[in-house]
Protein backbone atom coordinates (compact mmCIF):
# COMPACT_ATOMS: atom_id res chain seq x y z
CA MET A 1 -59.34 -32.07 -21.82
CA SER A 2 -60.91 -29.20 -19.89
CA GLU A 3 -58.21 -27.15 -18.22
CA VAL A 4 -57.42 -23.48 -17.88
CA GLY A 5 -54.41 -22.11 -19.69
CA THR A 6 -53.12 -18.69 -20.68
CA ILE A 7 -52.79 -17.24 -24.18
CA VAL A 8 -49.10 -16.40 -24.47
CA SER A 9 -48.95 -15.24 -28.09
CA ILE A 10 -51.06 -14.38 -31.11
CA GLU A 11 -49.62 -14.07 -34.60
CA PRO A 12 -51.28 -11.01 -36.17
CA GLU A 13 -50.70 -12.10 -39.75
CA ASP A 14 -52.86 -15.22 -39.47
CA GLY A 15 -54.70 -15.00 -36.13
CA LEU A 16 -53.16 -18.23 -34.84
CA GLY A 17 -51.73 -18.40 -31.34
CA TRP A 18 -50.41 -20.47 -28.46
CA ILE A 19 -51.88 -21.31 -25.06
CA GLU A 20 -49.59 -22.36 -22.24
CA MET A 21 -51.03 -24.87 -19.78
CA PRO A 22 -50.05 -25.05 -16.08
CA ASN A 23 -47.85 -28.11 -16.73
CA GLY A 24 -45.89 -26.26 -19.42
CA ASP A 25 -47.54 -27.93 -22.41
CA ARG A 26 -48.57 -25.69 -25.28
CA VAL A 27 -51.77 -25.84 -27.31
CA ARG A 28 -52.20 -24.24 -30.76
CA PHE A 29 -55.42 -22.38 -31.52
CA GLY A 30 -57.15 -20.41 -34.26
CA GLY A 31 -59.86 -17.79 -34.09
CA THR A 32 -62.61 -20.27 -34.96
CA ALA A 33 -62.00 -22.11 -31.67
CA CYS A 34 -62.75 -19.00 -29.56
CA LYS A 35 -66.39 -19.14 -28.48
CA GLY A 36 -67.88 -15.84 -27.38
CA PHE A 37 -64.72 -13.84 -26.84
CA VAL A 38 -61.86 -12.13 -28.66
CA PRO A 39 -58.47 -13.70 -27.88
CA ALA A 40 -55.74 -11.56 -26.31
CA VAL A 41 -52.30 -12.24 -24.89
CA GLY A 42 -52.49 -12.87 -21.14
CA LEU A 43 -56.14 -13.96 -21.24
CA ALA A 44 -57.03 -17.10 -19.26
CA VAL A 45 -59.03 -19.57 -21.35
CA GLU A 46 -60.64 -22.92 -20.72
CA VAL A 47 -59.52 -25.52 -23.24
CA VAL A 48 -62.75 -27.44 -23.77
CA GLY A 49 -61.63 -29.69 -26.61
CA THR A 50 -58.51 -30.58 -28.60
CA ARG A 51 -57.43 -32.73 -31.52
CA PRO A 52 -54.12 -33.70 -33.11
CA GLY A 53 -52.85 -30.86 -35.27
CA TYR A 54 -50.33 -30.41 -38.04
CA GLY A 55 -46.82 -31.65 -37.29
CA GLY A 56 -47.86 -33.39 -34.07
CA THR A 57 -48.99 -30.28 -32.23
CA VAL A 58 -52.16 -30.29 -30.11
CA LYS A 59 -54.78 -27.91 -31.50
CA ALA A 60 -57.77 -26.54 -29.61
CA THR A 61 -61.21 -27.13 -31.15
CA GLU A 62 -63.10 -25.08 -28.56
CA LEU A 63 -62.01 -22.38 -26.12
CA ARG A 64 -64.02 -20.40 -23.61
CA LYS A 65 -62.98 -17.41 -21.56
CA ALA A 66 -62.03 -18.52 -18.05
CA SER A 67 -63.26 -16.65 -14.98
CA ALA A 68 -59.79 -16.64 -13.38
CA PRO A 69 -56.18 -16.83 -14.61
CA ALA A 70 -54.45 -20.17 -14.71
CA PRO A 71 -52.37 -20.65 -11.54
CA GLY A 72 -48.86 -19.28 -12.06
CA ALA A 73 -49.24 -19.21 -15.84
CA PRO A 74 -46.50 -17.14 -17.50
CA VAL A 75 -46.84 -14.76 -20.38
CA ALA A 76 -44.08 -15.66 -22.79
CA ALA A 77 -43.13 -15.46 -26.41
CA ALA A 78 -44.30 -18.24 -28.70
CA PRO A 79 -41.79 -20.91 -29.70
CA VAL A 80 -40.16 -20.52 -33.06
CA ALA A 81 -42.62 -21.94 -35.54
CA GLU A 82 -41.53 -25.02 -37.44
CA PRO A 83 -41.48 -24.60 -41.24
CA ARG A 84 -44.70 -25.77 -42.83
CA GLN A 85 -44.19 -28.95 -44.85
CA ALA A 86 -47.64 -29.87 -46.13
CA LEU A 87 -46.46 -30.45 -49.69
CA HIS A 88 -43.68 -32.75 -48.50
CA THR A 89 -46.09 -34.61 -46.20
CA VAL A 90 -48.55 -35.33 -49.02
CA GLN A 91 -45.81 -36.40 -51.41
CA GLN A 92 -44.18 -38.63 -48.79
CA ALA A 93 -47.53 -40.34 -48.21
CA GLY A 94 -47.65 -41.24 -51.90
CA VAL A 95 -51.00 -39.53 -52.38
CA ARG A 96 -51.62 -38.44 -55.97
CA ALA A 97 -52.58 -34.77 -56.05
CA ASP A 98 -53.54 -32.68 -59.07
CA ASP A 99 -51.39 -29.78 -60.22
CA LEU A 100 -53.49 -27.10 -58.52
CA LEU A 101 -53.35 -28.83 -55.16
CA LEU A 102 -49.58 -29.32 -55.40
CA ALA A 103 -49.11 -25.65 -56.26
CA LEU A 104 -51.47 -24.56 -53.46
CA LEU A 105 -49.68 -26.65 -50.83
CA GLY A 106 -46.26 -25.48 -51.93
CA ARG A 107 -47.30 -21.84 -51.92
CA ALA A 108 -49.12 -22.05 -48.58
CA ASP A 109 -46.06 -23.66 -46.99
CA VAL A 110 -44.04 -20.48 -47.57
CA ASP A 111 -46.66 -17.74 -47.93
CA ASP A 112 -48.10 -16.70 -44.55
CA THR A 113 -50.82 -14.58 -46.13
CA MET A 114 -52.16 -17.40 -48.28
CA HIS A 115 -51.97 -19.79 -45.34
CA ALA A 116 -53.98 -17.35 -43.22
CA ASP A 117 -56.52 -16.76 -46.01
CA LEU A 118 -57.04 -20.50 -46.40
CA GLU A 119 -57.72 -20.80 -42.66
CA ALA A 120 -60.09 -17.84 -42.81
CA ALA A 121 -61.99 -19.74 -45.52
CA HIS A 122 -62.21 -22.75 -43.17
CA PHE A 123 -59.56 -24.78 -45.03
CA GLU A 124 -56.91 -25.53 -42.39
CA VAL A 125 -54.14 -27.43 -44.17
CA GLU A 126 -53.21 -30.43 -42.01
CA PRO A 127 -52.47 -33.44 -44.25
CA GLN A 128 -52.80 -36.83 -42.59
CA PRO A 129 -54.48 -40.21 -43.14
CA GLY A 130 -58.18 -40.16 -42.43
CA PRO A 131 -58.00 -43.03 -39.91
CA ALA A 132 -55.70 -40.90 -37.73
CA LEU A 133 -58.70 -38.64 -37.12
CA GLY A 134 -61.17 -41.46 -36.62
CA CYS A 135 -62.49 -41.94 -40.16
CA ALA A 136 -63.40 -45.59 -40.63
CA ASN A 137 -62.70 -45.60 -44.37
CA PRO A 138 -58.98 -46.39 -44.88
CA TRP A 139 -58.85 -44.81 -48.33
CA LEU A 140 -59.46 -41.23 -47.18
CA TYR A 141 -56.39 -39.00 -47.01
CA VAL A 142 -57.20 -35.72 -45.30
CA ILE A 143 -55.75 -32.53 -46.73
CA ALA A 144 -57.46 -29.92 -44.54
CA MET A 145 -59.81 -29.44 -41.61
CA ASP A 146 -62.82 -27.12 -41.64
CA GLY A 147 -62.25 -25.63 -38.18
CA GLY A 148 -65.06 -27.64 -36.65
CA GLY A 149 -63.55 -31.11 -36.55
CA ASN A 150 -64.67 -32.14 -40.04
CA ALA A 151 -62.28 -32.68 -42.93
CA TYR A 152 -61.70 -32.30 -46.65
CA GLY A 153 -59.77 -35.15 -48.20
CA LEU A 154 -58.87 -37.14 -51.29
CA TYR A 155 -60.28 -40.61 -51.89
CA SER A 156 -57.11 -42.51 -52.76
CA HIS A 157 -58.94 -45.69 -53.79
CA PRO A 158 -57.49 -47.77 -56.68
CA LEU A 159 -60.80 -47.26 -58.49
CA PHE A 160 -59.39 -43.86 -59.47
CA ASN A 161 -55.98 -44.98 -60.69
CA GLY A 162 -55.00 -42.76 -63.61
CA GLN A 163 -57.61 -40.13 -62.73
CA ASP A 164 -57.78 -37.10 -60.48
CA LEU A 165 -58.69 -38.26 -57.00
CA PRO A 166 -62.14 -37.02 -55.95
CA TRP A 167 -62.59 -34.70 -52.99
CA LEU A 168 -64.74 -35.89 -50.10
CA PHE A 169 -66.16 -34.25 -47.00
CA TRP A 170 -65.85 -36.22 -43.77
CA ASP A 171 -68.34 -35.47 -40.99
CA HIS A 172 -66.58 -36.39 -37.74
CA GLU A 173 -69.78 -36.59 -35.69
CA VAL A 174 -71.41 -39.37 -37.71
CA ASP A 175 -68.34 -40.69 -39.60
CA THR A 176 -69.85 -40.27 -43.05
CA LEU A 177 -68.20 -39.41 -46.36
CA ARG A 178 -69.82 -37.34 -49.08
CA PHE A 179 -68.57 -36.45 -52.55
CA LEU A 180 -67.72 -32.77 -53.02
CA ALA A 181 -65.74 -32.30 -56.24
CA ALA A 182 -63.94 -34.14 -59.02
CA ASN A 183 -60.83 -31.95 -58.77
CA THR A 184 -59.26 -29.18 -56.71
CA SER A 185 -60.47 -26.37 -58.98
CA ASP A 186 -64.10 -27.45 -58.64
CA LEU A 187 -63.62 -27.83 -54.88
CA PHE A 188 -62.43 -24.27 -54.41
CA VAL A 189 -65.15 -22.74 -56.57
CA HIS A 190 -67.48 -24.32 -54.00
CA LEU A 191 -65.41 -23.54 -50.88
CA LEU A 192 -64.92 -19.88 -51.77
CA GLY A 193 -68.64 -19.56 -52.35
CA GLU A 194 -69.33 -21.18 -48.97
CA ALA A 195 -66.85 -18.81 -47.31
CA LEU A 196 -68.65 -15.77 -48.72
CA ALA A 197 -72.04 -17.18 -47.77
CA SER A 198 -70.87 -17.76 -44.18
CA GLY A 199 -69.65 -14.19 -43.75
CA VAL A 200 -65.91 -14.57 -44.22
CA ASP A 201 -64.25 -11.23 -45.07
CA ALA A 202 -64.91 -10.78 -48.80
CA ALA A 203 -61.53 -9.06 -49.29
CA LYS A 204 -59.73 -12.13 -47.95
CA VAL A 205 -61.81 -14.45 -50.10
CA GLU A 206 -61.12 -12.40 -53.23
CA ARG A 207 -57.41 -12.20 -52.43
CA LEU A 208 -57.30 -15.97 -51.99
CA ARG A 209 -59.27 -16.50 -55.20
CA GLY A 210 -56.84 -14.26 -57.11
CA ASP A 211 -53.86 -16.20 -55.77
CA LEU A 212 -55.48 -19.53 -56.67
CA VAL A 213 -56.36 -18.35 -60.19
CA LYS A 214 -52.67 -17.63 -60.72
CA LEU A 215 -51.97 -21.22 -59.66
CA GLY A 216 -54.57 -22.71 -62.02
CA LEU A 217 -58.02 -22.27 -60.44
CA ALA A 218 -60.81 -21.80 -62.97
CA ASP A 219 -61.48 -18.05 -63.17
CA VAL A 220 -65.19 -18.24 -62.45
CA ALA A 221 -67.37 -16.72 -59.77
CA PRO A 222 -67.48 -18.68 -56.49
CA THR A 223 -70.67 -20.68 -56.10
CA SER A 224 -72.16 -21.91 -52.84
CA ARG A 225 -73.75 -25.32 -53.25
CA GLY A 226 -75.43 -25.07 -49.85
CA ASP A 227 -74.70 -28.61 -48.71
CA GLU A 228 -71.89 -30.84 -47.51
CA GLY A 229 -71.70 -33.09 -50.55
CA GLU A 230 -73.67 -35.96 -51.99
CA ALA A 231 -73.90 -39.69 -51.44
CA VAL A 232 -72.43 -41.66 -54.35
CA ASP A 233 -72.62 -45.34 -55.20
CA TRP A 234 -68.84 -45.85 -55.39
CA LEU A 235 -68.48 -45.19 -51.65
CA PRO A 236 -69.35 -47.87 -49.07
CA PRO A 237 -72.88 -47.58 -47.67
CA ASP A 238 -73.32 -45.64 -44.45
CA ASP A 239 -73.43 -47.96 -41.45
CA GLY A 240 -77.21 -47.88 -41.22
CA ALA A 241 -77.54 -48.97 -44.84
CA LEU A 242 -75.09 -51.91 -44.69
CA ARG A 243 -76.59 -55.27 -45.54
CA PRO A 244 -75.61 -58.37 -43.50
CA LEU A 245 -72.04 -59.55 -44.10
CA ALA A 246 -73.31 -62.84 -45.54
CA ASP A 247 -75.01 -60.92 -48.34
CA TYR A 248 -71.74 -59.31 -49.41
CA LEU A 249 -69.78 -62.57 -49.14
CA ALA A 250 -72.28 -64.12 -51.59
CA GLU A 251 -72.42 -61.04 -53.85
CA THR A 252 -71.71 -61.64 -57.56
CA ASP A 253 -71.01 -57.98 -58.32
CA GLY A 254 -67.36 -57.44 -57.36
CA GLY A 255 -67.72 -53.72 -56.78
CA GLU A 256 -70.74 -54.16 -54.53
CA MET A 257 -68.93 -56.90 -52.62
CA GLU A 258 -65.86 -54.72 -52.12
CA ARG A 259 -67.84 -51.77 -50.83
CA GLY A 260 -69.80 -53.91 -48.41
CA LEU A 261 -66.73 -55.72 -47.13
CA LEU A 262 -65.01 -52.36 -46.68
CA GLY A 263 -67.90 -51.11 -44.57
CA HIS A 264 -67.97 -54.23 -42.39
CA ALA A 265 -64.17 -54.56 -42.10
CA PHE A 266 -63.39 -50.99 -41.13
CA GLY A 267 -66.71 -49.46 -40.12
CA ARG A 268 -67.61 -52.35 -37.82
CA GLY A 269 -64.19 -53.91 -37.24
CA ASP A 270 -65.26 -57.34 -38.52
CA ALA A 271 -62.23 -59.67 -38.83
CA GLN A 272 -63.97 -62.03 -41.26
CA ALA A 273 -64.83 -59.13 -43.56
CA ARG A 274 -61.25 -57.81 -43.33
CA ALA A 275 -59.82 -61.21 -44.35
CA ALA A 276 -62.28 -61.52 -47.24
CA LEU A 277 -61.52 -57.97 -48.37
CA GLU A 278 -57.77 -58.54 -48.37
CA GLN A 279 -58.26 -61.77 -50.32
CA LEU A 280 -60.36 -59.88 -52.86
CA TYR A 281 -57.75 -57.15 -53.15
CA THR A 282 -54.99 -59.73 -53.68
CA GLY A 283 -56.93 -61.21 -56.55
CA TRP A 284 -57.34 -57.78 -58.12
CA GLY A 285 -53.73 -56.76 -57.56
CA TRP A 286 -54.74 -54.09 -55.05
CA HIS A 287 -53.48 -53.50 -51.53
CA LEU A 288 -54.59 -51.31 -48.65
CA PRO A 289 -52.82 -47.96 -48.25
CA ALA A 290 -49.49 -47.97 -46.41
CA TRP A 291 -50.91 -46.00 -43.45
CA VAL A 292 -53.42 -48.74 -42.53
């Protein structure tokens, strides 16, 4: 999508707004999508890229200031915002979340300031299955986007039954997953540190940290780890490191076989690997997530 629309509203409390396109469609946007300009009501903008957003809305990933207004574009009030339902969405999906994440989602659903502070820290709450965004691994359930098309999500794999689900970072450009944190508290110690290191308003970061501490975040100083996570052996190999399918079909280590079959079945769309994986899961009493 590369069309010119007009900004028709901006919500001052969180910096989010709406763009109206010439055909009447509306596109949601945040400040991180605006490249080289400050958004203002009535401004014509070129919608360079979009992705599915929370609740089925279309959200802009990149906007540029247009040289001319969109033809006949009106300046109108934004539609009444739908209530945020992230907590309900995660619970309906059957994804196991730790207490801090549940409290965070519930609070952000009703607290506009916390919701805006999370977005300012590049944690845009938009829960959805990873495959809906293009992630090849079916076990990823995305909780939030980073404002640049990448995602933070929980690895809902049966390997972690009875444990906190680990947090992963999904890079949308190369479709890789990296381990970030064992729980939500550890994740936000890292994310708040990254926000400060990237120049996010320190007052907003500290306000968010204070709110999260009240919800159960460890009361320690934010720490920037300076990377986007680490490769771990319980995730399937990246595509370039996958061995031939025959190797995994003959593998005697069940875990290694499962990871390889997962990579071939979903990363490469191999029907034989998918059938073998489902047979393996049946024998173990596992089944693929409901959203696959």
